[in-house]
Amino acid sequence: MPKIHTEATVIGHAECLVIGGGVIGSSIAYHVAREGRSTIMLERTMPGEGASGAAAGMLAAESEEFIDSDLEQLARTSRDEFPELVRELERLSGVSVEFRTEGFVAPFRSEAEGERRWKAANMREDNQPEWWNAKELARRIPGIDRQAIGAIYRSKETQLVPVQLCRAYAGAASVLGATIWSCTHAEQLVVQNGRVCGVVTDRGFFSCDQVIIAGGLDSMNLLDQAGFHYPLYPVKGEAVAVSLKDHPLEYTIYADDIYLVPKQKNEVWIGATSLPNLYDKEVTVEGLEGLLARAAAWLPRVREASFVRTWAGLRPQAAAGRPFIGAVPGLEGVYAAVGHYRNGVLLSEATGRAMAGLLKGADAEELGISNFSSVRIKEESL
């Protein structure tokens, strides 16, 4: 790694330098600035324009299937903090994240499927799902497929607009004193005596005491520079938005093979495909046809809806199967929060809050993130 020369011009300095302006990086910048520490956030494009902006914004801590109980607990903790977080972000930033609390509905077409879903929904004591029969489901969701004989309703599940969340995080961080540098690409960590002292970017040198790498797929290069090999790979997800006629969809429909997420102006966001190791962001005809067919199978009036737009994003999946949240080993002052895959929006609150505590010297176990550390990842790879 290069060392900084004494004649180098410093164009910015902060105690904490956050690399990445997606939902994870923006959350970290907000939580660190909230602790009263000087903060700079660097984003290669604009906050929320990457994988975060392509998400549907579901805070599906109960509906989602997680690889282990640690990740599930982190997700639940994060989701439960969102109502208060949203109030604070909107107050500080003036940006509405379009937070919706109507809950999620998981429909089924057979008694066996319903019993399976009900059993899974009641595995934890803190769950409070409701069983809707066919009559109740049809009353709550007009136009639902007639073959649906019931549904599991989860009232705690919420959703929002991810791009707006990123802007709210960044805006609130700015109000709290952070500086946001958009269109700034972090190229090289700068180290002196085994400790990071700054980052070289395409716009100049930024000095700092601590660096937090949170740039999604772009993070691998900087992690490799730090001597920490943590492979990430893209999982392409395609989505489509339509505008329903007549009455709007009130609840998020979260089925096994599709989700329909209601937004403002009668829009419904439908997603998503899951295509690993693809780097393009094109929406294919096959992908679009599949999404619309599966959506219409649950809500037939999707066929009469107006087309709004399509998009695709690249989810940063970790080869290790779980996100890394913690100190990067072997180089003092370097931290990372990467590999959140399809749950970046959901996990953003807990990740940002935990990282802010870690930077102040709190213990990872105390913060609830010890199982996402380099030690745990190393153990699991043996």
Protein backbone atom coordinates (compact mmCIF):
# COMPACT_ATOMS: atom_id res chain seq x y z
CA MET A 1 0.00 0.00 0.00
CA PRO A 2 1.27 3.51 -0.71
CA LYS A 3 2.09 5.86 2.11
CA ILE A 4 0.94 9.44 2.12
CA HIS A 5 3.61 11.97 1.24
CA THR A 6 4.01 15.07 3.37
CA GLU A 7 3.24 17.31 0.41
CA ALA A 8 -0.10 15.61 -0.33
CA THR A 9 -3.08 17.96 -0.31
CA VAL A 10 -5.86 16.95 2.04
CA ILE A 11 -9.23 18.00 0.62
CA GLY A 12 -11.23 16.62 3.52
CA HIS A 13 -10.70 15.25 7.03
CA ALA A 14 -12.96 13.46 9.48
CA GLU A 15 -12.69 11.10 12.38
CA CYS A 16 -14.80 8.57 10.46
CA LEU A 17 -14.79 8.10 6.69
CA VAL A 18 -17.64 5.99 5.32
CA ILE A 19 -17.14 4.53 1.84
CA GLY A 20 -20.48 3.81 0.16
CA GLY A 21 -23.72 5.78 -0.01
CA GLY A 22 -26.18 2.94 -0.31
CA VAL A 23 -28.57 2.11 2.47
CA ILE A 24 -25.87 0.55 4.67
CA GLY A 25 -23.27 3.29 4.21
CA SER A 26 -25.86 6.05 4.60
CA SER A 27 -27.16 4.46 7.79
CA ILE A 28 -23.65 4.22 9.21
CA ALA A 29 -22.96 7.86 8.34
CA TYR A 30 -26.17 8.91 10.09
CA HIS A 31 -25.58 6.84 13.24
CA VAL A 32 -21.93 7.89 13.52
CA ALA A 33 -22.80 11.58 13.05
CA ARG A 34 -25.56 11.15 15.62
CA GLU A 35 -22.85 10.16 18.11
CA GLY A 36 -21.29 13.58 17.58
CA ARG A 37 -18.27 12.38 15.61
CA SER A 38 -17.03 14.19 12.51
CA THR A 39 -18.05 12.13 9.49
CA ILE A 40 -17.51 12.09 5.73
CA MET A 41 -19.40 9.77 3.40
CA LEU A 42 -18.05 9.03 -0.08
CA GLU A 43 -20.40 7.71 -2.75
CA ARG A 44 -19.30 6.70 -6.25
CA THR A 45 -22.55 7.94 -7.85
CA MET A 46 -25.44 9.36 -5.81
CA PRO A 47 -26.85 7.99 -2.53
CA GLY A 48 -29.29 5.19 -3.23
CA GLU A 49 -28.55 4.72 -6.93
CA GLY A 50 -27.01 1.25 -6.60
CA ALA A 51 -28.48 -1.99 -5.26
CA SER A 52 -30.34 -0.16 -2.50
CA GLY A 53 -32.37 1.87 -4.96
CA ALA A 54 -33.40 -1.26 -6.85
CA ALA A 55 -34.93 -2.92 -3.79
CA ALA A 56 -38.66 -3.07 -3.05
CA GLY A 57 -38.17 -1.77 0.49
CA MET A 58 -39.76 -4.60 2.45
CA LEU A 59 -38.87 -4.87 6.14
CA ALA A 60 -39.74 -8.56 6.13
CA ALA A 61 -38.17 -9.84 9.33
CA GLU A 62 -40.79 -12.59 9.78
CA SER A 63 -41.73 -13.32 6.17
CA GLU A 64 -38.15 -13.74 4.95
CA GLU A 65 -36.28 -17.02 5.41
CA PHE A 66 -32.85 -16.54 6.99
CA ILE A 67 -29.90 -18.89 7.00
CA ASP A 68 -29.62 -18.90 10.80
CA SER A 69 -31.12 -17.54 14.00
CA ASP A 70 -28.41 -14.87 14.43
CA LEU A 71 -29.33 -13.16 11.19
CA GLU A 72 -33.04 -13.52 11.93
CA GLN A 73 -32.62 -11.89 15.34
CA LEU A 74 -30.65 -9.00 13.85
CA ALA A 75 -33.40 -8.54 11.27
CA ARG A 76 -36.16 -8.46 13.89
CA THR A 77 -34.24 -6.04 16.06
CA SER A 78 -33.67 -3.76 13.10
CA ARG A 79 -37.26 -3.86 11.86
CA ASP A 80 -38.67 -3.06 15.29
CA GLU A 81 -36.59 0.13 15.50
CA PHE A 82 -37.81 1.50 12.17
CA PRO A 83 -40.95 3.37 13.35
CA GLU A 84 -38.92 5.57 15.69
CA LEU A 85 -36.03 5.79 13.20
CA VAL A 86 -38.34 6.95 10.41
CA ARG A 87 -39.83 9.68 12.58
CA GLU A 88 -36.36 10.98 13.41
CA LEU A 89 -35.02 10.78 9.86
CA GLU A 90 -38.03 12.55 8.38
CA ARG A 91 -37.89 15.24 11.07
CA LEU A 92 -34.21 15.96 10.45
CA SER A 93 -34.05 15.55 6.68
CA GLY A 94 -37.51 16.64 5.58
CA VAL A 95 -37.58 13.59 3.27
CA SER A 96 -40.57 11.24 3.39
CA VAL A 97 -39.62 7.57 3.13
CA GLU A 98 -43.27 6.62 2.45
CA PHE A 99 -43.35 4.27 5.43
CA ARG A 100 -46.31 1.85 5.38
CA THR A 101 -47.49 -0.30 8.26
CA GLU A 102 -50.45 -2.26 6.87
CA GLY A 103 -48.63 -5.58 7.20
CA PHE A 104 -47.85 -8.55 4.93
CA VAL A 105 -50.16 -11.28 3.67
CA ALA A 106 -48.92 -14.77 2.71
CA PRO A 107 -51.75 -16.47 0.77
CA PHE A 108 -52.10 -20.20 0.19
CA ARG A 109 -54.22 -22.49 -2.00
CA SER A 110 -54.37 -25.70 0.07
CA GLU A 111 -54.96 -26.67 3.68
CA ALA A 112 -51.61 -28.45 3.78
CA GLU A 113 -49.79 -25.34 2.60
CA GLY A 114 -51.71 -23.23 5.10
CA GLU A 115 -50.84 -25.55 7.97
CA ARG A 116 -47.18 -25.51 6.95
CA ARG A 117 -47.14 -21.72 6.86
CA TRP A 118 -49.00 -21.45 10.14
CA LYS A 119 -46.60 -23.79 11.89
CA ALA A 120 -43.59 -21.90 10.55
CA ALA A 121 -45.14 -18.56 11.55
CA ASN A 122 -45.59 -19.74 15.12
CA MET A 123 -42.13 -21.17 15.65
CA ARG A 124 -41.21 -18.15 17.81
CA GLU A 125 -43.08 -17.01 20.89
CA ASP A 126 -42.90 -13.33 19.95
CA ASN A 127 -44.81 -13.90 16.71
CA GLN A 128 -48.42 -12.77 16.56
CA PRO A 129 -49.64 -13.90 13.12
CA GLU A 130 -53.29 -14.09 12.17
CA TRP A 131 -55.04 -16.82 10.18
CA TRP A 132 -57.38 -15.44 7.53
CA ASN A 133 -59.90 -17.79 5.94
CA ALA A 134 -61.02 -17.39 2.34
CA LYS A 135 -63.84 -15.00 3.22
CA GLU A 136 -61.61 -12.73 5.29
CA LEU A 137 -58.88 -12.76 2.64
CA ALA A 138 -61.33 -11.80 -0.12
CA ARG A 139 -62.69 -9.00 2.07
CA ARG A 140 -59.26 -7.61 2.84
CA ILE A 141 -57.80 -8.01 -0.67
CA PRO A 142 -60.53 -7.50 -3.31
CA GLY A 143 -59.75 -9.43 -6.47
CA ILE A 144 -57.48 -12.02 -4.87
CA ASP A 145 -57.35 -15.29 -6.79
CA ARG A 146 -60.45 -17.38 -6.06
CA GLN A 147 -58.34 -20.48 -5.53
CA ALA A 148 -56.70 -18.87 -2.51
CA ILE A 149 -58.40 -20.45 0.49
CA GLY A 150 -56.68 -18.37 3.17
CA ALA A 151 -53.59 -16.48 4.26
CA ILE A 152 -51.20 -15.80 7.12
CA TYR A 153 -51.24 -12.14 8.08
CA ARG A 154 -48.24 -10.53 9.80
CA SER A 155 -49.10 -7.11 11.19
CA LYS A 156 -45.55 -6.17 12.26
CA GLU A 157 -44.08 -6.25 8.77
CA THR A 158 -43.60 -2.81 7.19
CA GLN A 159 -42.22 -1.32 3.99
CA LEU A 160 -40.92 1.93 2.49
CA VAL A 161 -39.20 3.40 -0.58
CA PRO A 162 -35.45 2.57 -0.42
CA VAL A 163 -34.18 5.53 -2.47
CA GLN A 164 -36.04 7.87 -0.16
CA LEU A 165 -34.60 6.07 2.85
CA CYS A 166 -31.06 6.60 1.55
CA ARG A 167 -31.77 10.28 0.98
CA ALA A 168 -33.29 10.59 4.44
CA TYR A 169 -30.28 8.89 6.05
CA ALA A 170 -27.86 11.14 4.12
CA GLY A 171 -29.93 14.27 4.71
CA ALA A 172 -30.21 13.60 8.44
CA ALA A 173 -26.47 12.87 8.62
CA SER A 174 -25.77 16.22 6.94
CA VAL A 175 -27.96 18.05 9.44
CA LEU A 176 -25.98 16.36 12.20
CA GLY A 177 -22.71 17.62 10.73
CA ALA A 178 -21.63 14.94 8.26
CA THR A 179 -20.30 15.86 4.82
CA ILE A 180 -21.58 13.89 1.83
CA TRP A 181 -19.33 13.63 -1.22
CA SER A 182 -21.29 12.25 -4.17
CA CYS A 183 -19.66 11.18 -7.46
CA THR A 184 -16.45 10.41 -5.57
CA HIS A 185 -14.76 7.05 -6.09
CA ALA A 186 -12.54 5.64 -3.33
CA GLU A 187 -9.52 4.07 -5.02
CA GLN A 188 -6.81 3.36 -2.46
CA LEU A 189 -6.45 2.99 1.30
CA VAL A 190 -3.48 4.88 2.70
CA VAL A 191 -1.63 3.34 5.63
CA GLN A 192 1.09 4.46 7.99
CA ASN A 193 2.66 2.16 10.57
CA GLY A 194 -0.06 -0.45 10.28
CA ARG A 195 -2.92 2.00 10.69
CA VAL A 196 -5.17 3.60 8.10
CA CYS A 197 -4.80 7.36 7.82
CA GLY A 198 -6.90 8.13 4.76
CA VAL A 199 -8.20 7.26 1.33
CA VAL A 200 -7.14 8.35 -2.14
CA THR A 201 -10.13 9.10 -4.39
CA ASP A 202 -10.55 10.29 -7.97
CA ARG A 203 -11.05 13.78 -6.50
CA GLY A 204 -8.14 13.85 -4.09
CA PHE A 205 -7.04 12.64 -0.67
CA PHE A 206 -9.26 12.39 2.41
CA SER A 207 -7.61 11.89 5.78
CA CYS A 208 -9.30 10.15 8.69
CA ASP A 209 -8.85 8.13 11.85
CA GLN A 210 -11.23 5.31 10.91
CA VAL A 211 -12.50 3.97 7.58
CA ILE A 212 -15.74 2.02 7.18
CA ILE A 213 -16.01 0.09 3.92
CA ALA A 214 -19.70 -0.24 3.00
CA GLY A 215 -19.78 -0.01 -0.77
CA GLY A 216 -21.52 -3.25 -1.72
CA LEU A 217 -19.89 -5.11 -4.59
CA ASP A 218 -17.34 -2.30 -4.98
CA SER A 219 -15.97 -3.13 -1.52
CA MET A 220 -13.92 -6.17 -2.55
CA ASN A 221 -11.01 -4.17 -3.97
CA LEU A 222 -10.58 -2.11 -0.79
CA LEU A 223 -10.95 -5.18 1.42
CA ASP A 224 -8.26 -6.94 -0.61
CA GLN A 225 -6.02 -3.90 -0.12
CA ALA A 226 -6.55 -4.33 3.61
CA GLY A 227 -5.49 -7.96 3.32
CA PHE A 228 -8.96 -9.33 4.05
CA HIS A 229 -10.36 -11.67 1.41
CA TYR A 230 -14.15 -11.59 1.62
CA PRO A 231 -15.65 -12.63 -1.74
CA LEU A 232 -18.91 -11.06 -2.88
CA TYR A 233 -20.87 -11.90 -6.00
CA PRO A 234 -23.86 -10.25 -7.66
CA VAL A 235 -27.35 -11.70 -7.67
CA LYS A 236 -29.34 -9.85 -10.30
CA GLY A 237 -32.92 -9.04 -9.46
CA GLU A 238 -35.47 -7.78 -11.99
CA ALA A 239 -38.66 -5.96 -10.97
CA VAL A 240 -41.63 -4.22 -12.57
CA ALA A 241 -44.04 -1.53 -11.42
CA VAL A 242 -47.67 -1.35 -12.55
CA SER A 243 -50.54 0.95 -11.69
CA LEU A 244 -53.77 -0.77 -10.66
CA LYS A 245 -57.14 0.48 -11.79
CA ASP A 246 -60.06 0.95 -9.42
CA HIS A 247 -59.27 0.33 -5.74
CA PRO A 248 -55.64 0.18 -4.57
CA LEU A 249 -53.85 -2.79 -3.04
CA GLU A 250 -53.56 -2.17 0.69
CA TYR A 251 -51.42 -5.05 1.97
CA THR A 252 -48.11 -6.41 0.70
CA ILE A 253 -48.66 -9.86 -0.81
CA TYR A 254 -45.67 -12.03 0.08
CA ALA A 255 -46.02 -15.40 -1.66
CA ASP A 256 -43.40 -18.11 -2.11
CA ASP A 257 -42.64 -17.17 -5.72
CA ILE A 258 -43.54 -13.46 -5.94
CA TYR A 259 -44.19 -10.33 -3.94
CA LEU A 260 -46.51 -7.42 -4.71
CA VAL A 261 -45.71 -4.26 -2.76
CA PRO A 262 -48.21 -1.36 -2.82
CA LYS A 263 -46.80 2.15 -3.17
CA GLN A 264 -48.24 5.61 -3.65
CA LYS A 265 -50.43 6.60 -6.63
CA ASN A 266 -51.90 3.09 -6.87
CA GLU A 267 -48.55 1.64 -7.92
CA VAL A 268 -47.59 -1.94 -7.13
CA TRP A 269 -43.95 -3.06 -7.29
CA ILE A 270 -43.60 -6.69 -8.36
CA GLY A 271 -40.45 -8.72 -7.88
CA ALA A 272 -38.08 -10.21 -8.11
CA THR A 273 -36.00 -12.60 -10.17
CA SER A 274 -32.85 -14.09 -8.66
CA LEU A 275 -30.01 -14.56 -11.15
CA PRO A 276 -26.56 -15.12 -9.61
CA ASN A 277 -23.28 -14.00 -11.15
CA LEU A 278 -24.78 -11.60 -13.69
CA TYR A 279 -23.44 -8.05 -13.85
CA ASP A 280 -25.83 -6.45 -16.32
CA LYS A 281 -28.89 -4.46 -15.23
CA GLU A 282 -31.06 -5.21 -18.23
CA VAL A 283 -34.59 -6.51 -17.76
CA THR A 284 -35.26 -9.48 -20.02
CA VAL A 285 -38.57 -10.31 -21.68
CA GLU A 286 -38.46 -13.72 -19.99
CA GLY A 287 -37.96 -12.15 -16.59
CA LEU A 288 -40.73 -9.61 -17.11
CA GLU A 289 -43.18 -12.21 -18.39
CA GLY A 290 -42.49 -14.47 -15.44
CA LEU A 291 -42.98 -11.71 -12.87
CA LEU A 292 -46.27 -10.55 -14.36
CA ALA A 293 -47.60 -14.09 -14.76
CA ARG A 294 -46.84 -15.02 -11.15
CA ALA A 295 -48.28 -11.75 -9.87
CA ALA A 296 -51.48 -12.17 -11.90
CA ALA A 297 -51.85 -15.71 -10.60
CA TRP A 298 -52.42 -14.24 -7.14
CA LEU A 299 -54.03 -10.94 -8.13
CA PRO A 300 -55.70 -11.37 -11.55
CA ARG A 301 -56.45 -7.67 -11.97
CA VAL A 302 -52.73 -7.12 -12.52
CA ARG A 303 -53.50 -8.07 -16.15
CA GLU A 304 -55.59 -4.89 -16.53
CA ALA A 305 -53.07 -2.66 -14.78
CA SER A 306 -51.11 0.08 -16.56
CA PHE A 307 -47.41 -0.51 -17.11
CA VAL A 308 -45.17 1.98 -15.27
CA ARG A 309 -41.53 0.86 -15.52
CA THR A 310 -39.02 -1.97 -15.09
CA TRP A 311 -35.61 -2.02 -13.43
CA ALA A 312 -32.91 -4.37 -12.17
CA GLY A 313 -30.30 -4.29 -9.43
CA LEU A 314 -27.31 -6.34 -8.32
CA ARG A 315 -27.62 -7.67 -4.78
CA PRO A 316 -24.23 -8.10 -3.02
CA GLN A 317 -24.25 -11.71 -1.83
CA ALA A 318 -21.40 -12.95 0.35
CA ALA A 319 -19.82 -16.27 -0.51
CA ALA A 320 -19.72 -16.86 3.25
CA GLY A 321 -23.52 -16.71 3.27
CA ARG A 322 -23.86 -13.95 5.85
CA PRO A 323 -22.89 -10.27 6.02
CA PHE A 324 -19.61 -9.16 7.53
CA ILE A 325 -20.03 -6.42 10.14
CA GLY A 326 -16.96 -5.55 12.15
CA ALA A 327 -13.29 -4.66 12.33
CA VAL A 328 -11.09 -5.78 9.47
CA PRO A 329 -8.30 -7.90 10.94
CA GLY A 330 -4.64 -6.98 10.56
CA LEU A 331 -5.06 -3.27 9.86
CA GLU A 332 -5.95 -0.86 12.61
CA GLY A 333 -8.77 1.60 12.01
CA VAL A 334 -10.47 -0.28 9.15
CA TYR A 335 -14.01 -1.60 9.48
CA ALA A 336 -16.52 -3.02 7.03
CA ALA A 337 -20.25 -3.70 6.65
CA VAL A 338 -20.79 -5.69 3.46
CA GLY A 339 -22.64 -8.68 2.00
CA HIS A 340 -26.20 -7.93 3.15
CA TYR A 341 -27.61 -9.51 -0.03
CA ARG A 342 -31.39 -8.92 -0.29
CA ASN A 343 -31.81 -7.58 3.25
CA GLY A 344 -29.77 -4.38 3.18
CA VAL A 345 -32.78 -2.11 3.71
CA LEU A 346 -34.11 -4.26 6.53
CA LEU A 347 -30.73 -4.60 8.27
CA SER A 348 -29.63 -1.01 7.76
CA GLU A 349 -30.82 0.32 11.12
CA ALA A 350 -29.19 -2.40 13.22
CA THR A 351 -26.01 -2.35 11.13
CA GLY A 352 -25.60 1.43 11.34
CA ARG A 353 -26.29 1.53 15.05
CA ALA A 354 -23.96 -1.37 15.80
CA MET A 355 -21.15 0.06 13.68
CA ALA A 356 -21.40 3.43 15.44
CA GLY A 357 -21.04 1.62 18.77
CA LEU A 358 -18.13 -0.47 17.52
CA LEU A 359 -16.24 2.63 16.34
CA LYS A 360 -16.54 4.08 19.84
CA GLY A 361 -14.98 0.95 21.33
CA ALA A 362 -18.03 -1.09 22.34
CA ASP A 363 -17.72 -4.87 22.37
CA ALA A 364 -19.07 -6.73 19.33
CA GLU A 365 -20.80 -9.34 21.47
CA GLU A 366 -22.47 -6.64 23.52
CA LEU A 367 -23.67 -5.03 20.29
CA GLY A 368 -25.08 -8.32 18.98
CA ILE A 369 -22.77 -8.61 15.97
CA SER A 370 -20.06 -11.00 17.17
CA ASN A 371 -21.40 -13.72 14.88
CA PHE A 372 -20.82 -11.47 11.87
CA SER A 373 -17.16 -10.80 12.71
CA SER A 374 -14.01 -11.96 10.94
CA VAL A 375 -13.39 -14.51 13.70
CA ARG A 376 -16.73 -16.24 13.13
CA ILE A 377 -16.34 -16.15 9.37
CA LYS A 378 -12.86 -17.67 9.65
CA GLU A 379 -14.17 -20.41 11.94
CA GLU A 380 -16.94 -21.34 9.52
CA SER A 381 -14.56 -21.49 6.57
CA LEU A 382 -12.31 -24.09 8.23
